[in-house]
Every structure is written in C-alpha cells, then in structure tokens.
Amino acid sequence: MQRLSIREMRSQLGKLDALIREQHELIITRHNKPVARVLPIKHHKPRPNHAALRNSLPRQNVSSEVLQRNDRDERE
C-alpha cells in the first residue's frame, strides 16, 4: 500500500496503472488525510451457460402455472 497526495497522483497519472499493479492498493490523501482508495479491478468469473444449467436439472412433471395456482390457493 502506498500513500500519495493528490499532487503526487496527478504527476504520476501516466504510471498509475503500474503503481497499482505493484502496490495492489493506493491511498490518495489531501492534507495528509485519506480521501480515496484505489484498487485493481478483480477479474470476473465467466458467466455460466444457462442453457446447460437448465438441461442439467431434472424435468418437472407439473407446470409452473399449476404450482403457482396451488400455492395461491393454499394461502387463501
């Protein structure tokens, strides 16, 4: 973690990505008080294939319409 004043951050703006890669976290200060924290973006997990997920689930014998109607009737 490295602390940079706003002035230092502006002067090193071109190297900001390298600083974040090296330090993993930057604290930006104004008058020696922290005002911001800069972190690298974490890579997201790939989204699941929804068609494959649906196909992996067992097939329901009762339609969702019937299940909803039964649920509503039970609450009345």
Protein backbone atom coordinates (compact mmCIF):
# COMPACT_ATOMS: atom_id res chain seq x y z
CA MET A 1 0.00 0.00 0.00
CA GLN A 2 1.35 3.37 -0.98
CA ARG A 3 0.11 6.78 0.09
CA LEU A 4 0.08 9.55 -2.50
CA SER A 5 -1.04 13.13 -2.17
CA ILE A 6 -3.37 14.42 -4.84
CA ARG A 7 -0.50 16.40 -6.33
CA GLU A 8 1.75 13.33 -6.49
CA MET A 9 -1.05 11.30 -8.03
CA ARG A 10 -1.59 13.88 -10.76
CA SER A 11 2.12 14.00 -11.56
CA GLN A 12 2.28 10.19 -11.80
CA LEU A 13 -1.02 9.71 -13.61
CA GLY A 14 0.72 8.12 -16.60
CA LYS A 15 2.25 5.46 -14.31
CA LEU A 16 -0.85 4.93 -12.19
CA ASP A 17 -1.63 1.51 -13.65
CA ALA A 18 1.92 0.31 -12.96
CA LEU A 19 1.78 1.65 -9.39
CA ILE A 20 -1.48 -0.17 -8.73
CA ARG A 21 -0.10 -3.38 -10.23
CA GLU A 22 2.99 -3.15 -7.99
CA GLN A 23 1.38 -1.89 -4.78
CA HIS A 24 -2.10 -3.52 -5.14
CA GLU A 25 -3.60 -0.55 -3.32
CA LEU A 26 -3.10 3.21 -3.34
CA ILE A 27 -4.34 5.65 -0.72
CA ILE A 28 -4.90 9.18 -2.02
CA THR A 29 -4.51 11.91 0.59
CA ARG A 30 -5.33 15.57 0.90
CA HIS A 31 -3.51 17.43 3.68
CA ASN A 32 -2.29 14.03 4.98
CA LYS A 33 -5.87 12.76 5.43
CA PRO A 34 -7.03 9.82 3.30
CA VAL A 35 -9.74 10.74 0.78
CA ALA A 36 -9.75 7.77 -1.60
CA ARG A 37 -8.52 4.23 -2.02
CA VAL A 38 -7.64 2.91 -5.49
CA LEU A 39 -7.74 -0.84 -6.01
CA PRO A 40 -7.18 -3.00 -9.08
CA ILE A 41 -10.28 -4.50 -10.69
CA LYS A 42 -10.65 -8.18 -9.99
CA HIS A 43 -11.32 -10.37 -12.96
CA HIS A 44 -14.87 -11.63 -13.03
CA LYS A 45 -15.75 -15.28 -13.24
CA PRO A 46 -17.15 -16.32 -16.58
CA ARG A 47 -20.93 -16.37 -16.68
CA PRO A 48 -22.45 -19.82 -16.61
CA ASN A 49 -24.09 -21.26 -19.66
CA HIS A 50 -27.77 -21.04 -18.66
CA ALA A 51 -28.96 -23.50 -21.30
CA ALA A 52 -26.54 -26.13 -19.99
CA LEU A 53 -27.64 -25.39 -16.43
CA ARG A 54 -31.32 -25.79 -17.33
CA ASN A 55 -30.60 -29.04 -19.14
CA SER A 56 -28.75 -30.42 -16.12
CA LEU A 57 -31.81 -30.00 -13.86
CA PRO A 58 -34.45 -32.73 -13.70
CA ARG A 59 -37.58 -32.11 -15.74
CA GLN A 60 -40.66 -31.18 -13.68
CA ASN A 61 -43.85 -33.15 -14.20
CA VAL A 62 -46.06 -30.27 -13.07
CA SER A 63 -46.07 -26.93 -14.87
CA SER A 64 -45.15 -23.74 -13.03
CA GLU A 65 -48.66 -22.42 -13.67
CA VAL A 66 -50.17 -25.26 -11.67
CA LEU A 67 -47.60 -24.87 -8.88
CA GLN A 68 -48.33 -21.14 -8.58
CA ARG A 69 -52.09 -21.68 -8.58
CA ASN A 70 -51.79 -24.33 -5.84
CA ASP A 71 -49.57 -22.05 -3.78
CA ARG A 72 -52.02 -19.15 -4.06
CA ASP A 73 -54.99 -21.36 -3.23
CA GLU A 74 -53.25 -22.65 -0.10
CA ARG A 75 -52.69 -19.09 1.17
CA GLU A 76 -56.35 -18.08 0.87
